[in-house]
Amino acid sequence: MTWNLWWRYGPWERRREAIAAVLAEVAPDVCGFQEVWSAGDENLAGDLAARLGMHWCWASIPVHGDAPGPPLRLGNAILSRWPITAQAELQLPTVGEVHERRFVAHARIETPGGTLPFFTTHLSYGLGLSSLRVQQVRSLAAFVADNGLDCEYPPVVTGDLNAEPESDEVRRLAGFLTAPAAPGLVLLDAWRYAAPGDPGFTWALRNGYQEHSKIPDSRIDYILVGVPSGDRGRVLSARLAGDEPVNQVWPSDHFAVVADLQD
């Protein structure tokens, strides 16, 4: 599963319960989350992992502001039903102030079928920033190639890429109509295994938080999977989750993507 959890925006305390309810229903084995917050000793990823009985890790940066209370951090998190035996992170190229820093989190997960190399990231947001995201994708792909090609499962890369499938940055990850961003690394878009005709919009105007969005319906959140050497890690299906209100509360401003992989 991949899901942008929308930081502490909107009714974030009620949204936390809605997010937890969706996760309990989907019961994913591994999750990549973006815009995860911590406040002092309290961590959204840690709370969700405890509720689900999962292992977790995260990579974060401080968030500077004048809000009272414990210092805040913003991060990308990985939750796993199986043990995480190693973790790493990489800061991606960026521009602007500190709060615009972007990075990728990586975990090596020991599943019953072998090691799964799992990654989650959040590329820079903004219309007209494709060239920056292309730079970020090059760094991301090199990091995945260095850490994810020696395992029983192909690498799984999740995240909010802030780019649609036809964009230069996403095409480079897939090696589609261009050379792949890292030699020998081709990442398949799991949504190609979704129900035919489903656009898979994860940023959707029907979401209660998007009433005033200037961006049209878009598919910008992804589960990308390396080409498997056999059946293990082959994508079987894909679908959305968190795309309806829970007790009259929309869980996030993004919908989640869920993919089933061959074990």
C-alpha atoms as a PDB file:
ATOM      1  CA  MET A   1       0.000   0.000   0.000  1.00  0.00           C
ATOM      2  CA  THR A   2       1.035   3.609  -0.558  1.00  0.00           C
ATOM      3  CA  TRP A   3      -0.719   6.626   0.949  1.00  0.00           C
ATOM      4  CA  ASN A   4      -0.046  10.322   1.452  1.00  0.00           C
ATOM      5  CA  LEU A   5      -1.513  10.964   4.923  1.00  0.00           C
ATOM      6  CA  TRP A   6      -1.728  14.785   4.549  1.00  0.00           C
ATOM      7  CA  TRP A   7       0.380  15.842   7.525  1.00  0.00           C
ATOM      8  CA  ARG A   8      -1.665  17.581  10.277  1.00  0.00           C
ATOM      9  CA  TYR A   9      -3.984  19.430   7.931  1.00  0.00           C
ATOM     10  CA  GLY A  10      -7.760  19.580   8.221  1.00  0.00           C
ATOM     11  CA  PRO A  11      -9.433  17.719  11.100  1.00  0.00           C
ATOM     12  CA  TRP A  12      -6.231  15.717  11.601  1.00  0.00           C
ATOM     13  CA  GLU A  13      -7.183  14.122  14.924  1.00  0.00           C
ATOM     14  CA  ARG A  14     -10.417  12.723  13.478  1.00  0.00           C
ATOM     15  CA  ARG A  15      -8.616  11.848  10.269  1.00  0.00           C
ATOM     16  CA  ARG A  16      -6.168   9.707  12.231  1.00  0.00           C
ATOM     17  CA  GLU A  17      -9.048   7.478  13.328  1.00  0.00           C
ATOM     18  CA  ALA A  18     -10.369   7.306   9.763  1.00  0.00           C
ATOM     19  CA  ILE A  19      -6.912   6.345   8.477  1.00  0.00           C
ATOM     20  CA  ALA A  20      -6.641   3.631  11.131  1.00  0.00           C
ATOM     21  CA  ALA A  21     -10.068   2.283  10.172  1.00  0.00           C
ATOM     22  CA  VAL A  22      -9.091   2.004   6.498  1.00  0.00           C
ATOM     23  CA  LEU A  23      -5.852   0.229   7.381  1.00  0.00           C
ATOM     24  CA  ALA A  24      -7.676  -2.212   9.646  1.00  0.00           C
ATOM     25  CA  GLU A  25     -10.059  -3.046   6.790  1.00  0.00           C
ATOM     26  CA  VAL A  26      -7.382  -3.404   4.080  1.00  0.00           C
ATOM     27  CA  ALA A  27      -4.905  -5.205   6.391  1.00  0.00           C
ATOM     28  CA  PRO A  28      -1.857  -4.529   4.184  1.00  0.00           C
ATOM     29  CA  ASP A  29       1.364  -6.492   4.646  1.00  0.00           C
ATOM     30  CA  VAL A  30       3.631  -3.541   3.814  1.00  0.00           C
ATOM     31  CA  CYS A  31       2.860   0.183   3.601  1.00  0.00           C
ATOM     32  CA  GLY A  32       4.687   3.257   2.344  1.00  0.00           C
ATOM     33  CA  PHE A  33       3.370   6.483   3.875  1.00  0.00           C
ATOM     34  CA  GLN A  34       4.172  10.100   3.049  1.00  0.00           C
ATOM     35  CA  GLU A  35       3.505  13.289   5.050  1.00  0.00           C
ATOM     36  CA  VAL A  36       3.733  11.435   8.357  1.00  0.00           C
ATOM     37  CA  TRP A  37       4.089  13.609  11.458  1.00  0.00           C
ATOM     38  CA  SER A  38       5.686  13.302  14.846  1.00  0.00           C
ATOM     39  CA  ALA A  39       5.284  15.646  17.807  1.00  0.00           C
ATOM     40  CA  GLY A  40       7.796  14.926  20.531  1.00  0.00           C
ATOM     41  CA  ASP A  41       7.394  11.273  21.488  1.00  0.00           C
ATOM     42  CA  GLU A  42       4.138  10.912  19.547  1.00  0.00           C
ATOM     43  CA  ASN A  43       4.473   9.536  16.017  1.00  0.00           C
ATOM     44  CA  LEU A  44       1.614   8.812  13.620  1.00  0.00           C
ATOM     45  CA  ALA A  45       3.455   5.903  11.988  1.00  0.00           C
ATOM     46  CA  GLY A  46       4.303   4.404  15.361  1.00  0.00           C
ATOM     47  CA  ASP A  47       0.697   4.724  16.496  1.00  0.00           C
ATOM     48  CA  LEU A  48      -0.642   3.048  13.352  1.00  0.00           C
ATOM     49  CA  ALA A  49       1.979   0.294  13.560  1.00  0.00           C
ATOM     50  CA  ALA A  50       1.050  -0.427  17.183  1.00  0.00           C
ATOM     51  CA  ARG A  51      -2.639  -0.682  16.291  1.00  0.00           C
ATOM     52  CA  LEU A  52      -1.880  -3.096  13.443  1.00  0.00           C
ATOM     53  CA  GLY A  53       0.842  -5.087  15.203  1.00  0.00           C
ATOM     54  CA  MET A  54       3.434  -4.100  12.568  1.00  0.00           C
ATOM     55  CA  HIS A  55       7.117  -3.168  12.476  1.00  0.00           C
ATOM     56  CA  TRP A  56       7.992   0.331  11.293  1.00  0.00           C
ATOM     57  CA  CYS A  57      10.719   2.791  10.448  1.00  0.00           C
ATOM     58  CA  TRP A  58      10.808   6.290   9.063  1.00  0.00           C
ATOM     59  CA  ALA A  59      12.983   9.131   7.755  1.00  0.00           C
ATOM     60  CA  SER A  60      12.113  12.701   8.689  1.00  0.00           C
ATOM     61  CA  ILE A  61      13.067  16.362   8.810  1.00  0.00           C
ATOM     62  CA  PRO A  62      12.186  19.032  11.396  1.00  0.00           C
ATOM     63  CA  VAL A  63       9.318  21.370  10.623  1.00  0.00           C
ATOM     64  CA  HIS A  64       9.992  24.914  11.715  1.00  0.00           C
ATOM     65  CA  GLY A  65       7.070  26.980  12.927  1.00  0.00           C
ATOM     66  CA  ASP A  66       5.658  29.006  15.758  1.00  0.00           C
ATOM     67  CA  ALA A  67       3.019  26.508  16.870  1.00  0.00           C
ATOM     68  CA  PRO A  68       3.084  25.741  20.603  1.00  0.00           C
ATOM     69  CA  GLY A  69       3.780  22.235  21.845  1.00  0.00           C
ATOM     70  CA  PRO A  70       6.428  19.608  21.127  1.00  0.00           C
ATOM     71  CA  PRO A  71       8.667  20.099  18.065  1.00  0.00           C
ATOM     72  CA  LEU A  72       7.179  18.709  14.873  1.00  0.00           C
ATOM     73  CA  ARG A  73       8.821  16.498  12.271  1.00  0.00           C
ATOM     74  CA  LEU A  74       7.622  15.503   8.798  1.00  0.00           C
ATOM     75  CA  GLY A  75       8.571  12.200   7.236  1.00  0.00           C
ATOM     76  CA  ASN A  76       8.076   9.146   5.053  1.00  0.00           C
ATOM     77  CA  ALA A  77       7.357   5.895   6.895  1.00  0.00           C
ATOM     78  CA  ILE A  78       7.384   2.180   6.136  1.00  0.00           C
ATOM     79  CA  LEU A  79       5.205  -0.302   8.041  1.00  0.00           C
ATOM     80  CA  SER A  80       5.693  -4.048   7.671  1.00  0.00           C
ATOM     81  CA  ARG A  81       3.989  -7.156   8.958  1.00  0.00           C
ATOM     82  CA  TRP A  82       7.424  -8.829   8.909  1.00  0.00           C
ATOM     83  CA  PRO A  83      10.730  -7.755  10.518  1.00  0.00           C
ATOM     84  CA  ILE A  84      12.722  -4.851   9.100  1.00  0.00           C
ATOM     85  CA  THR A  85      16.354  -5.943   9.139  1.00  0.00           C
ATOM     86  CA  ALA A  86      17.971  -2.821   7.681  1.00  0.00           C
ATOM     87  CA  GLN A  87      16.978   0.705   6.788  1.00  0.00           C
ATOM     88  CA  ALA A  88      18.485   3.648   4.934  1.00  0.00           C
ATOM     89  CA  GLU A  89      17.506   7.037   3.588  1.00  0.00           C
ATOM     90  CA  LEU A  90      18.631   9.425   0.868  1.00  0.00           C
ATOM     91  CA  GLN A  91      17.991  13.134   0.480  1.00  0.00           C
ATOM     92  CA  LEU A  92      16.899  14.023  -3.052  1.00  0.00           C
ATOM     93  CA  PRO A  93      17.919  17.104  -5.059  1.00  0.00           C
ATOM     94  CA  THR A  94      15.683  20.073  -4.351  1.00  0.00           C
ATOM     95  CA  VAL A  95      15.399  23.851  -4.385  1.00  0.00           C
ATOM     96  CA  GLY A  96      13.953  26.405  -2.008  1.00  0.00           C
ATOM     97  CA  GLU A  97      13.688  26.465   1.751  1.00  0.00           C
ATOM     98  CA  VAL A  98      14.346  23.683   4.247  1.00  0.00           C
ATOM     99  CA  HIS A  99      10.683  22.623   4.351  1.00  0.00           C
ATOM    100  CA  GLU A 100      10.951  21.675   0.674  1.00  0.00           C
ATOM    101  CA  ARG A 101      13.576  18.983   1.264  1.00  0.00           C
ATOM    102  CA  ARG A 102      12.591  15.614  -0.184  1.00  0.00           C
ATOM    103  CA  PHE A 103      13.983  12.176   0.510  1.00  0.00           C
ATOM    104  CA  VAL A 104      13.421   8.454   0.103  1.00  0.00           C
ATOM    105  CA  ALA A 105      13.164   5.889   2.910  1.00  0.00           C
ATOM    106  CA  HIS A 106      14.274   2.298   2.387  1.00  0.00           C
ATOM    107  CA  ALA A 107      13.691  -0.889   4.390  1.00  0.00           C
ATOM    108  CA  ARG A 108      14.852  -4.460   3.826  1.00  0.00           C
ATOM    109  CA  ILE A 109      11.985  -6.661   4.954  1.00  0.00           C
ATOM    110  CA  GLU A 110      12.386 -10.341   5.795  1.00  0.00           C
ATOM    111  CA  THR A 111       9.223 -11.993   4.515  1.00  0.00           C
ATOM    112  CA  PRO A 112       8.544 -15.761   4.687  1.00  0.00           C
ATOM    113  CA  GLY A 113       9.544 -15.935   1.000  1.00  0.00           C
ATOM    114  CA  GLY A 114      12.782 -13.965   1.314  1.00  0.00           C
ATOM    115  CA  THR A 115      13.996 -10.372   1.403  1.00  0.00           C
ATOM    116  CA  LEU A 116      11.763  -7.627   0.014  1.00  0.00           C
ATOM    117  CA  PRO A 117      13.527  -4.318  -0.761  1.00  0.00           C
ATOM    118  CA  PHE A 118      10.926  -1.614  -0.150  1.00  0.00           C
ATOM    119  CA  PHE A 119      11.139   2.152  -0.761  1.00  0.00           C
ATOM    120  CA  THR A 120       8.838   5.117  -0.270  1.00  0.00           C
ATOM    121  CA  THR A 121       9.284   8.719  -1.356  1.00  0.00           C
ATOM    122  CA  HIS A 122       7.549  12.045  -1.976  1.00  0.00           C
ATOM    123  CA  LEU A 123       8.756  14.116  -4.914  1.00  0.00           C
ATOM    124  CA  SER A 124       8.489  17.901  -5.074  1.00  0.00           C
ATOM    125  CA  TYR A 125       5.053  19.372  -5.618  1.00  0.00           C
ATOM    126  CA  GLY A 126       4.259  22.044  -8.161  1.00  0.00           C
ATOM    127  CA  LEU A 127       3.187  22.633 -11.736  1.00  0.00           C
ATOM    128  CA  GLY A 128       6.180  23.281 -13.965  1.00  0.00           C
ATOM    129  CA  LEU A 129       8.634  21.397 -11.717  1.00  0.00           C
ATOM    130  CA  SER A 130       9.032  18.347 -13.934  1.00  0.00           C
ATOM    131  CA  SER A 131      12.726  19.059 -14.550  1.00  0.00           C
ATOM    132  CA  LEU A 132      13.381  19.058 -10.802  1.00  0.00           C
ATOM    133  CA  ARG A 133      11.468  15.817 -10.355  1.00  0.00           C
ATOM    134  CA  VAL A 134      13.518  14.280 -13.176  1.00  0.00           C
ATOM    135  CA  GLN A 135      16.655  15.070 -11.155  1.00  0.00           C
ATOM    136  CA  GLN A 136      15.028  13.523  -8.084  1.00  0.00           C
ATOM    137  CA  VAL A 137      14.071  10.408 -10.055  1.00  0.00           C
ATOM    138  CA  ARG A 138      17.667   9.922 -11.189  1.00  0.00           C
ATOM    139  CA  SER A 139      18.842   9.947  -7.566  1.00  0.00           C
ATOM    140  CA  LEU A 140      15.950   7.731  -6.497  1.00  0.00           C
ATOM    141  CA  ALA A 141      16.610   5.178  -9.238  1.00  0.00           C
ATOM    142  CA  ALA A 142      20.325   4.987  -8.439  1.00  0.00           C
ATOM    143  CA  PHE A 143      19.486   4.452  -4.755  1.00  0.00           C
ATOM    144  CA  VAL A 144      17.029   1.674  -5.622  1.00  0.00           C
ATOM    145  CA  ALA A 145      19.535   0.022  -7.947  1.00  0.00           C
ATOM    146  CA  ASP A 146      22.202   0.099  -5.235  1.00  0.00           C
ATOM    147  CA  ASN A 147      19.928  -1.312  -2.522  1.00  0.00           C
ATOM    148  CA  GLY A 148      17.228  -3.359  -4.231  1.00  0.00           C
ATOM    149  CA  LEU A 149      18.572  -5.698  -6.901  1.00  0.00           C
ATOM    150  CA  ASP A 150      20.124  -8.443  -4.773  1.00  0.00           C
ATOM    151  CA  CYS A 151      17.005  -9.856  -3.086  1.00  0.00           C
ATOM    152  CA  GLU A 152      14.539 -12.682  -3.609  1.00  0.00           C
ATOM    153  CA  TYR A 153      11.836 -10.135  -4.461  1.00  0.00           C
ATOM    154  CA  PRO A 154      12.132  -7.293  -6.975  1.00  0.00           C
ATOM    155  CA  PRO A 155      12.263  -3.775  -5.508  1.00  0.00           C
ATOM    156  CA  VAL A 156       8.958  -2.126  -4.648  1.00  0.00           C
ATOM    157  CA  VAL A 157       8.926   1.675  -4.870  1.00  0.00           C
ATOM    158  CA  THR A 158       5.943   3.572  -3.490  1.00  0.00           C
ATOM    159  CA  GLY A 159       5.092   7.197  -3.138  1.00  0.00           C
ATOM    160  CA  ASP A 160       3.459  10.434  -4.067  1.00  0.00           C
ATOM    161  CA  LEU A 161       5.399  11.400  -7.195  1.00  0.00           C
ATOM    162  CA  ASN A 162       3.312  14.522  -7.899  1.00  0.00           C
ATOM    163  CA  ALA A 163       3.399  13.567 -11.577  1.00  0.00           C
ATOM    164  CA  GLU A 164       1.085  11.749 -13.957  1.00  0.00           C
ATOM    165  CA  PRO A 165       2.044   8.550 -15.822  1.00  0.00           C
ATOM    166  CA  GLU A 166       2.911  10.326 -19.095  1.00  0.00           C
ATOM    167  CA  SER A 167       5.365  12.700 -17.402  1.00  0.00           C
ATOM    168  CA  ASP A 168       9.106  12.549 -18.080  1.00  0.00           C
ATOM    169  CA  GLU A 169       9.883  11.667 -14.478  1.00  0.00           C
ATOM    170  CA  VAL A 170       7.526   8.674 -14.308  1.00  0.00           C
ATOM    171  CA  ARG A 171       8.502   7.439 -17.783  1.00  0.00           C
ATOM    172  CA  ARG A 172      12.152   7.385 -16.752  1.00  0.00           C
ATOM    173  CA  LEU A 173      11.382   5.101 -13.827  1.00  0.00           C
ATOM    174  CA  ALA A 174       9.628   2.710 -16.205  1.00  0.00           C
ATOM    175  CA  GLY A 175      12.119   3.080 -19.053  1.00  0.00           C
ATOM    176  CA  PHE A 176       9.104   3.901 -21.243  1.00  0.00           C
ATOM    177  CA  LEU A 177       9.983   5.653 -24.530  1.00  0.00           C
ATOM    178  CA  THR A 178      13.307   6.571 -22.933  1.00  0.00           C
ATOM    179  CA  ALA A 179      16.316   5.007 -21.286  1.00  0.00           C
ATOM    180  CA  PRO A 180      15.631   4.083 -17.646  1.00  0.00           C
ATOM    181  CA  ALA A 181      16.869   6.514 -15.018  1.00  0.00           C
ATOM    182  CA  ALA A 182      19.285   3.863 -13.705  1.00  0.00           C
ATOM    183  CA  PRO A 183      20.802   1.279 -16.072  1.00  0.00           C
ATOM    184  CA  GLY A 184      19.185  -2.107 -15.665  1.00  0.00           C
ATOM    185  CA  LEU A 185      16.338  -0.846 -13.451  1.00  0.00           C
ATOM    186  CA  VAL A 186      12.837  -0.969 -14.939  1.00  0.00           C
ATOM    187  CA  LEU A 187       9.914  -0.362 -12.583  1.00  0.00           C
ATOM    188  CA  LEU A 188       6.449  -1.490 -13.670  1.00  0.00           C
ATOM    189  CA  ASP A 189       3.407   0.590 -12.742  1.00  0.00           C
ATOM    190  CA  ALA A 190       1.135  -1.686 -10.683  1.00  0.00           C
ATOM    191  CA  TRP A 191      -1.927   0.244 -11.853  1.00  0.00           C
ATOM    192  CA  ARG A 192      -1.577  -1.463 -15.242  1.00  0.00           C
ATOM    193  CA  TYR A 193      -3.041  -4.485 -13.421  1.00  0.00           C
ATOM    194  CA  ALA A 194      -6.108  -2.600 -12.149  1.00  0.00           C
ATOM    195  CA  ALA A 195      -9.623  -3.073 -13.478  1.00  0.00           C
ATOM    196  CA  PRO A 196      -9.807  -1.927 -17.120  1.00  0.00           C
ATOM    197  CA  GLY A 197     -11.210   1.564 -17.466  1.00  0.00           C
ATOM    198  CA  ASP A 198     -10.514   2.619 -13.865  1.00  0.00           C
ATOM    199  CA  PRO A 199      -8.522   5.887 -14.108  1.00  0.00           C
ATOM    200  CA  GLY A 200      -7.102   5.412 -10.619  1.00  0.00           C
ATOM    201  CA  PHE A 201      -7.261   9.084  -9.712  1.00  0.00           C
ATOM    202  CA  THR A 202      -5.586   9.509  -6.316  1.00  0.00           C
ATOM    203  CA  TRP A 203      -5.998  13.291  -6.400  1.00  0.00           C
ATOM    204  CA  ALA A 204      -9.715  13.639  -7.085  1.00  0.00           C
ATOM    205  CA  LEU A 205     -12.135  16.529  -7.004  1.00  0.00           C
ATOM    206  CA  ARG A 206     -14.764  14.285  -5.411  1.00  0.00           C
ATOM    207  CA  ASN A 207     -12.568  14.152  -2.304  1.00  0.00           C
ATOM    208  CA  GLY A 208     -14.121  16.436   0.281  1.00  0.00           C
ATOM    209  CA  TYR A 209     -10.853  18.346   0.750  1.00  0.00           C
ATOM    210  CA  GLN A 210     -10.430  19.146  -2.959  1.00  0.00           C
ATOM    211  CA  GLU A 211     -13.408  21.441  -3.440  1.00  0.00           C
ATOM    212  CA  HIS A 212     -11.176  24.382  -4.364  1.00  0.00           C
ATOM    213  CA  SER A 213      -8.359  22.474  -6.050  1.00  0.00           C
ATOM    214  CA  LYS A 214      -6.997  24.107  -9.187  1.00  0.00           C
ATOM    215  CA  ILE A 215      -5.537  20.760 -10.303  1.00  0.00           C
ATOM    216  CA  PRO A 216      -7.872  18.379 -12.162  1.00  0.00           C
ATOM    217  CA  ASP A 217      -8.356  14.722 -11.298  1.00  0.00           C
ATOM    218  CA  SER A 218      -4.907  13.114 -11.469  1.00  0.00           C
ATOM    219  CA  ARG A 219      -3.133   9.827 -10.830  1.00  0.00           C
ATOM    220  CA  ILE A 220      -0.001  10.883  -8.963  1.00  0.00           C
ATOM    221  CA  ASP A 221       0.489   8.143  -6.313  1.00  0.00           C
ATOM    222  CA  TYR A 222       2.195   4.915  -7.329  1.00  0.00           C
ATOM    223  CA  ILE A 223       3.267   1.416  -6.481  1.00  0.00           C
ATOM    224  CA  LEU A 224       6.126   0.542  -8.842  1.00  0.00           C
ATOM    225  CA  VAL A 225       7.597  -2.941  -8.957  1.00  0.00           C
ATOM    226  CA  GLY A 226      10.803  -4.184 -10.522  1.00  0.00           C
ATOM    227  CA  VAL A 227      10.611  -6.874 -13.181  1.00  0.00           C
ATOM    228  CA  PRO A 228      10.615 -10.220 -11.325  1.00  0.00           C
ATOM    229  CA  SER A 229      12.964 -13.008 -12.372  1.00  0.00           C
ATOM    230  CA  GLY A 230      10.165 -15.542 -11.758  1.00  0.00           C
ATOM    231  CA  ASP A 231       6.663 -15.370 -10.338  1.00  0.00           C
ATOM    232  CA  ARG A 232       7.717 -14.013  -6.943  1.00  0.00           C
ATOM    233  CA  GLY A 233       6.808 -10.318  -6.804  1.00  0.00           C
ATOM    234  CA  ARG A 234       4.647 -10.408  -9.925  1.00  0.00           C
ATOM    235  CA  VAL A 235       1.782  -7.896  -9.719  1.00  0.00           C
ATOM    236  CA  LEU A 236      -1.622  -9.585  -9.588  1.00  0.00           C
ATOM    237  CA  SER A 237      -4.014  -6.658  -9.111  1.00  0.00           C
ATOM    238  CA  ALA A 238      -4.304  -3.035  -8.000  1.00  0.00           C
ATOM    239  CA  ARG A 239      -7.069  -0.870  -6.568  1.00  0.00           C
ATOM    240  CA  LEU A 240      -7.769   2.292  -4.584  1.00  0.00           C
ATOM    241  CA  ALA A 241      -8.488   2.480  -0.864  1.00  0.00           C
ATOM    242  CA  GLY A 242      -9.395   5.302   1.495  1.00  0.00           C
ATOM    243  CA  ASP A 243     -11.521   6.776  -1.293  1.00  0.00           C
ATOM    244  CA  GLU A 244     -14.712   7.212   0.754  1.00  0.00           C
ATOM    245  CA  PRO A 245     -15.471   9.021   4.028  1.00  0.00           C
ATOM    246  CA  VAL A 246     -15.249   7.086   7.295  1.00  0.00           C
ATOM    247  CA  ASN A 247     -17.864   8.251   9.798  1.00  0.00           C
ATOM    248  CA  GLN A 248     -18.321  11.354   7.630  1.00  0.00           C
ATOM    249  CA  VAL A 249     -14.583  12.123   7.651  1.00  0.00           C
ATOM    250  CA  TRP A 250     -12.378  11.823   4.566  1.00  0.00           C
ATOM    251  CA  PRO A 251      -9.155  10.171   5.758  1.00  0.00           C
ATOM    252  CA  SER A 252      -6.759  12.227   3.593  1.00  0.00           C
ATOM    253  CA  ASP A 253      -6.636  14.577   0.640  1.00  0.00           C
ATOM    254  CA  HIS A 254      -5.121  11.676  -1.345  1.00  0.00           C
ATOM    255  CA  PHE A 255      -6.542   8.229  -1.985  1.00  0.00           C
ATOM    256  CA  ALA A 256      -4.370   5.200  -1.258  1.00  0.00           C
ATOM    257  CA  VAL A 257      -3.192   2.624  -3.786  1.00  0.00           C
ATOM    258  CA  VAL A 258      -3.132  -1.085  -2.904  1.00  0.00           C
ATOM    259  CA  ALA A 259      -1.462  -3.779  -5.003  1.00  0.00           C
ATOM    260  CA  ASP A 260      -1.379  -7.552  -4.528  1.00  0.00           C
ATOM    261  CA  LEU A 261       1.921  -9.250  -5.387  1.00  0.00           C
ATOM    262  CA  GLN A 262       2.675 -12.924  -5.877  1.00  0.00           C
ATOM    263  CA  ASP A 263       4.369 -14.377  -2.781  1.00  0.00           C
END
